[in-house]
Amino acid sequence: MHITEADSIDELIADCAHIPQSVRESSPHAPLPRLAPAWEVTEGLQAQVADLDEYV
């Protein structure tokens, strides 16, 4: 198989017509994203940075 660039829109359309139907079919819908759990700053986390003057 030798693949070349299409030189015109007509050639591009003709080339796309040769793509198998199984490849052109779209999936129904992407799954919905799950919600991430809310962040919570605990006393333990605050204690880890309590003595730092600046974040490096």
PDB file of N, CA and C in Angstrom:
ATOM      1  N   MET A   1       0.850  -1.179   0.000  1.00  0.00           N
ATOM      2  CA  MET A   1       0.000   0.000   0.000  1.00  0.00           C
ATOM      3  C   MET A   1       0.892   1.238   0.000  1.00  0.00           C
ATOM      4  N   HIS A   2       0.593   2.159  -0.876  1.00  0.00           N
ATOM      5  CA  HIS A   2       1.357   3.396  -0.989  1.00  0.00           C
ATOM      6  C   HIS A   2       0.434   4.559  -0.642  1.00  0.00           C
ATOM      7  N   ILE A   3       0.781   5.297   0.400  1.00  0.00           N
ATOM      8  CA  ILE A   3      -0.055   6.410   0.863  1.00  0.00           C
ATOM      9  C   ILE A   3       0.585   7.716   0.425  1.00  0.00           C
ATOM     10  N   THR A   4      -0.218   8.576  -0.191  1.00  0.00           N
ATOM     11  CA  THR A   4       0.261   9.883  -0.632  1.00  0.00           C
ATOM     12  C   THR A   4      -0.648  10.964  -0.073  1.00  0.00           C
ATOM     13  N   GLU A   5      -0.158  12.184  -0.067  1.00  0.00           N
ATOM     14  CA  GLU A   5      -0.954  13.334   0.349  1.00  0.00           C
ATOM     15  C   GLU A   5      -1.987  13.651  -0.729  1.00  0.00           C
ATOM     16  N   ALA A   6      -3.168  14.050  -0.307  1.00  0.00           N
ATOM     17  CA  ALA A   6      -4.178  14.495  -1.259  1.00  0.00           C
ATOM     18  C   ALA A   6      -3.798  15.884  -1.763  1.00  0.00           C
ATOM     19  N   ASP A   7      -3.909  16.081  -3.060  1.00  0.00           N
ATOM     20  CA  ASP A   7      -3.581  17.378  -3.656  1.00  0.00           C
ATOM     21  C   ASP A   7      -4.788  18.297  -3.759  1.00  0.00           C
ATOM     22  N   SER A   8      -5.985  17.756  -3.536  1.00  0.00           N
ATOM     23  CA  SER A   8      -7.191  18.581  -3.626  1.00  0.00           C
ATOM     24  C   SER A   8      -8.220  18.045  -2.634  1.00  0.00           C
ATOM     25  N   ILE A   9      -9.236  18.832  -2.406  1.00  0.00           N
ATOM     26  CA  ILE A   9     -10.299  18.405  -1.507  1.00  0.00           C
ATOM     27  C   ILE A   9     -11.034  17.208  -2.096  1.00  0.00           C
ATOM     28  N   ASP A  10     -11.163  17.151  -3.425  1.00  0.00           N
ATOM     29  CA  ASP A  10     -11.818  16.015  -4.073  1.00  0.00           C
ATOM     30  C   ASP A  10     -11.051  14.719  -3.820  1.00  0.00           C
ATOM     31  N   GLU A  11      -9.720  14.784  -3.887  1.00  0.00           N
ATOM     32  CA  GLU A  11      -8.905  13.597  -3.612  1.00  0.00           C
ATOM     33  C   GLU A  11      -9.034  13.190  -2.146  1.00  0.00           C
ATOM     34  N   LEU A  12      -9.085  14.166  -1.257  1.00  0.00           N
ATOM     35  CA  LEU A  12      -9.225  13.880   0.159  1.00  0.00           C
ATOM     36  C   LEU A  12     -10.549  13.177   0.433  1.00  0.00           C
ATOM     37  N   ILE A  13     -11.621  13.674  -0.140  1.00  0.00           N
ATOM     38  CA  ILE A  13     -12.937  13.062   0.034  1.00  0.00           C
ATOM     39  C   ILE A  13     -12.934  11.644  -0.527  1.00  0.00           C
ATOM     40  N   ALA A  14     -12.331  11.452  -1.691  1.00  0.00           N
ATOM     41  CA  ALA A  14     -12.259  10.120  -2.288  1.00  0.00           C
ATOM     42  C   ALA A  14     -11.448   9.179  -1.397  1.00  0.00           C
ATOM     43  N   ASP A  15     -10.345   9.679  -0.841  1.00  0.00           N
ATOM     44  CA  ASP A  15      -9.533   8.855   0.048  1.00  0.00           C
ATOM     45  C   ASP A  15     -10.317   8.457   1.298  1.00  0.00           C
ATOM     46  N   CYS A  16     -11.068   9.388   1.843  1.00  0.00           N
ATOM     47  CA  CYS A  16     -11.833   9.108   3.053  1.00  0.00           C
ATOM     48  C   CYS A  16     -12.938   8.088   2.799  1.00  0.00           C
ATOM     49  N   ALA A  17     -13.428   8.022   1.584  1.00  0.00           N
ATOM     50  CA  ALA A  17     -14.472   7.060   1.241  1.00  0.00           C
ATOM     51  C   ALA A  17     -13.957   5.633   1.340  1.00  0.00           C
ATOM     52  N   HIS A  18     -12.645   5.447   1.299  1.00  0.00           N
ATOM     53  CA  HIS A  18     -12.058   4.107   1.368  1.00  0.00           C
ATOM     54  C   HIS A  18     -11.799   3.660   2.806  1.00  0.00           C
ATOM     55  N   ILE A  19     -12.051   4.515   3.775  1.00  0.00           N
ATOM     56  CA  ILE A  19     -11.868   4.142   5.181  1.00  0.00           C
ATOM     57  C   ILE A  19     -12.988   3.176   5.553  1.00  0.00           C
ATOM     58  N   PRO A  20     -12.666   2.019   6.137  1.00  0.00           N
ATOM     59  CA  PRO A  20     -13.702   1.039   6.484  1.00  0.00           C
ATOM     60  C   PRO A  20     -14.749   1.621   7.435  1.00  0.00           C
ATOM     61  N   GLN A  21     -15.982   1.167   7.280  1.00  0.00           N
ATOM     62  CA  GLN A  21     -17.096   1.661   8.105  1.00  0.00           C
ATOM     63  C   GLN A  21     -16.832   1.423   9.587  1.00  0.00           C
ATOM     64  N   SER A  22     -16.200   0.304   9.929  1.00  0.00           N
ATOM     65  CA  SER A  22     -15.949   0.002  11.339  1.00  0.00           C
ATOM     66  C   SER A  22     -15.040   1.039  11.993  1.00  0.00           C
ATOM     67  N   VAL A  23     -14.177   1.675  11.203  1.00  0.00           N
ATOM     68  CA  VAL A  23     -13.292   2.705  11.727  1.00  0.00           C
ATOM     69  C   VAL A  23     -14.019   4.042  11.812  1.00  0.00           C
ATOM     70  N   ARG A  24     -14.943   4.281  10.896  1.00  0.00           N
ATOM     71  CA  ARG A  24     -15.645   5.565  10.862  1.00  0.00           C
ATOM     72  C   ARG A  24     -16.767   5.668  11.875  1.00  0.00           C
ATOM     73  N   GLU A  25     -17.233   4.526  12.401  1.00  0.00           N
ATOM     74  CA  GLU A  25     -18.333   4.561  13.359  1.00  0.00           C
ATOM     75  C   GLU A  25     -17.861   5.183  14.661  1.00  0.00           C
ATOM     76  N   SER A  26     -18.687   6.033  15.218  1.00  0.00           N
ATOM     77  CA  SER A  26     -18.321   6.675  16.481  1.00  0.00           C
ATOM     78  C   SER A  26     -18.919   5.881  17.638  1.00  0.00           C
ATOM     79  N   SER A  27     -18.284   5.983  18.780  1.00  0.00           N
ATOM     80  CA  SER A  27     -18.814   5.325  19.974  1.00  0.00           C
ATOM     81  C   SER A  27     -19.997   6.142  20.477  1.00  0.00           C
ATOM     82  N   PRO A  28     -20.923   5.523  21.221  1.00  0.00           N
ATOM     83  CA  PRO A  28     -22.132   6.235  21.652  1.00  0.00           C
ATOM     84  C   PRO A  28     -21.806   7.545  22.383  1.00  0.00           C
ATOM     85  N   HIS A  29     -21.238   7.474  23.526  1.00  0.00           N
ATOM     86  CA  HIS A  29     -20.881   8.668  24.289  1.00  0.00           C
ATOM     87  C   HIS A  29     -19.734   8.310  25.223  1.00  0.00           C
ATOM     88  N   ALA A  30     -18.889   9.252  25.453  1.00  0.00           N
ATOM     89  CA  ALA A  30     -17.811   9.046  26.416  1.00  0.00           C
ATOM     90  C   ALA A  30     -18.427   9.008  27.812  1.00  0.00           C
ATOM     91  N   PRO A  31     -17.856   8.223  28.714  1.00  0.00           N
ATOM     92  CA  PRO A  31     -18.407   8.196  30.076  1.00  0.00           C
ATOM     93  C   PRO A  31     -18.258   9.555  30.740  1.00  0.00           C
ATOM     94  N   LEU A  32     -19.203   9.860  31.595  1.00  0.00           N
ATOM     95  CA  LEU A  32     -19.157  11.129  32.317  1.00  0.00           C
ATOM     96  C   LEU A  32     -18.036  11.085  33.347  1.00  0.00           C
ATOM     97  N   PRO A  33     -17.338  12.199  33.530  1.00  0.00           N
ATOM     98  CA  PRO A  33     -16.261  12.213  34.528  1.00  0.00           C
ATOM     99  C   PRO A  33     -16.840  12.074  35.942  1.00  0.00           C
ATOM    100  N   ARG A  34     -16.085  11.391  36.780  1.00  0.00           N
ATOM    101  CA  ARG A  34     -16.508  11.255  38.171  1.00  0.00           C
ATOM    102  C   ARG A  34     -16.051  12.484  38.943  1.00  0.00           C
ATOM    103  N   LEU A  35     -16.812  12.850  39.932  1.00  0.00           N
ATOM    104  CA  LEU A  35     -16.436  13.989  40.764  1.00  0.00           C
ATOM    105  C   LEU A  35     -15.317  13.571  41.708  1.00  0.00           C
ATOM    106  N   ALA A  36     -14.310  14.406  41.812  1.00  0.00           N
ATOM    107  CA  ALA A  36     -13.198  14.144  42.720  1.00  0.00           C
ATOM    108  C   ALA A  36     -13.639  14.488  44.136  1.00  0.00           C
ATOM    109  N   PRO A  37     -13.130  13.748  45.103  1.00  0.00           N
ATOM    110  CA  PRO A  37     -13.490  14.096  46.477  1.00  0.00           C
ATOM    111  C   PRO A  37     -12.965  15.483  46.841  1.00  0.00           C
ATOM    112  N   ALA A  38     -13.684  16.163  47.689  1.00  0.00           N
ATOM    113  CA  ALA A  38     -13.292  17.514  48.112  1.00  0.00           C
ATOM    114  C   ALA A  38     -12.002  17.447  48.921  1.00  0.00           C
ATOM    115  N   TRP A  39     -11.161  18.455  48.746  1.00  0.00           N
ATOM    116  CA  TRP A  39      -9.922  18.537  49.522  1.00  0.00           C
ATOM    117  C   TRP A  39     -10.261  18.977  50.929  1.00  0.00           C
ATOM    118  N   GLU A  40      -9.523  18.420  51.861  1.00  0.00           N
ATOM    119  CA  GLU A  40      -9.723  18.805  53.248  1.00  0.00           C
ATOM    120  C   GLU A  40      -8.355  18.989  53.898  1.00  0.00           C
ATOM    121  N   VAL A  41      -8.142  20.158  54.477  1.00  0.00           N
ATOM    122  CA  VAL A  41      -6.885  20.437  55.162  1.00  0.00           C
ATOM    123  C   VAL A  41      -7.074  20.068  56.628  1.00  0.00           C
ATOM    124  N   THR A  42      -6.338  19.057  57.044  1.00  0.00           N
ATOM    125  CA  THR A  42      -6.452  18.587  58.419  1.00  0.00           C
ATOM    126  C   THR A  42      -5.393  19.264  59.296  1.00  0.00           C
ATOM    127  N   GLU A  43      -5.533  19.080  60.575  1.00  0.00           N
ATOM    128  CA  GLU A  43      -4.548  19.645  61.501  1.00  0.00           C
ATOM    129  C   GLU A  43      -3.175  19.020  61.255  1.00  0.00           C
ATOM    130  N   GLY A  44      -3.141  17.755  60.890  1.00  0.00           N
ATOM    131  CA  GLY A  44      -1.881  17.086  60.601  1.00  0.00           C
ATOM    132  C   GLY A  44      -1.174  17.701  59.412  1.00  0.00           C
ATOM    133  N   LEU A  45      -1.927  18.038  58.380  1.00  0.00           N
ATOM    134  CA  LEU A  45      -1.335  18.690  57.204  1.00  0.00           C
ATOM    135  C   LEU A  45      -0.825  20.081  57.558  1.00  0.00           C
ATOM    136  N   GLN A  46      -1.581  20.806  58.327  1.00  0.00           N
ATOM    137  CA  GLN A  46      -1.144  22.136  58.742  1.00  0.00           C
ATOM    138  C   GLN A  46       0.119  22.059  59.585  1.00  0.00           C
ATOM    139  N   ALA A  47       0.251  21.025  60.423  1.00  0.00           N
ATOM    140  CA  ALA A  47       1.422  20.866  61.269  1.00  0.00           C
ATOM    141  C   ALA A  47       2.677  20.612  60.437  1.00  0.00           C
ATOM    142  N   GLN A  48       2.521  19.972  59.269  1.00  0.00           N
ATOM    143  CA  GLN A  48       3.675  19.677  58.412  1.00  0.00           C
ATOM    144  C   GLN A  48       4.330  20.957  57.880  1.00  0.00           C
ATOM    145  N   VAL A  49       3.573  22.005  57.720  1.00  0.00           N
ATOM    146  CA  VAL A  49       4.110  23.238  57.131  1.00  0.00           C
ATOM    147  C   VAL A  49       4.138  24.402  58.114  1.00  0.00           C
ATOM    148  N   ALA A  50       3.795  24.153  59.346  1.00  0.00           N
ATOM    149  CA  ALA A  50       3.685  25.237  60.322  1.00  0.00           C
ATOM    150  C   ALA A  50       4.987  26.001  60.509  1.00  0.00           C
ATOM    151  N   ASP A  51       6.133  25.330  60.440  1.00  0.00           N
ATOM    152  CA  ASP A  51       7.409  25.994  60.688  1.00  0.00           C
ATOM    153  C   ASP A  51       8.081  26.509  59.423  1.00  0.00           C
ATOM    154  N   LEU A  52       7.456  26.354  58.310  1.00  0.00           N
ATOM    155  CA  LEU A  52       8.065  26.844  57.043  1.00  0.00           C
ATOM    156  C   LEU A  52       7.693  28.297  56.840  1.00  0.00           C
ATOM    157  N   ASP A  53       8.688  29.114  56.530  1.00  0.00           N
ATOM    158  CA  ASP A  53       8.430  30.524  56.291  1.00  0.00           C
ATOM    159  C   ASP A  53       7.911  30.768  54.889  1.00  0.00           C
ATOM    160  N   GLU A  54       8.366  29.952  53.952  1.00  0.00           N
ATOM    161  CA  GLU A  54       7.899  30.101  52.569  1.00  0.00           C
ATOM    162  C   GLU A  54       7.885  28.744  51.895  1.00  0.00           C
ATOM    163  N   TYR A  55       7.050  28.609  50.927  1.00  0.00           N
ATOM    164  CA  TYR A  55       6.950  27.370  50.159  1.00  0.00           C
ATOM    165  C   TYR A  55       8.032  27.378  49.088  1.00  0.00           C
ATOM    166  N   VAL A  56       8.844  26.335  49.055  1.00  0.00           N
ATOM    167  CA  VAL A  56       9.936  26.258  48.088  1.00  0.00           C
ATOM    168  C   VAL A  56       9.693  25.122  47.140  1.00  0.00           C
TER     169      VAL A  56
END
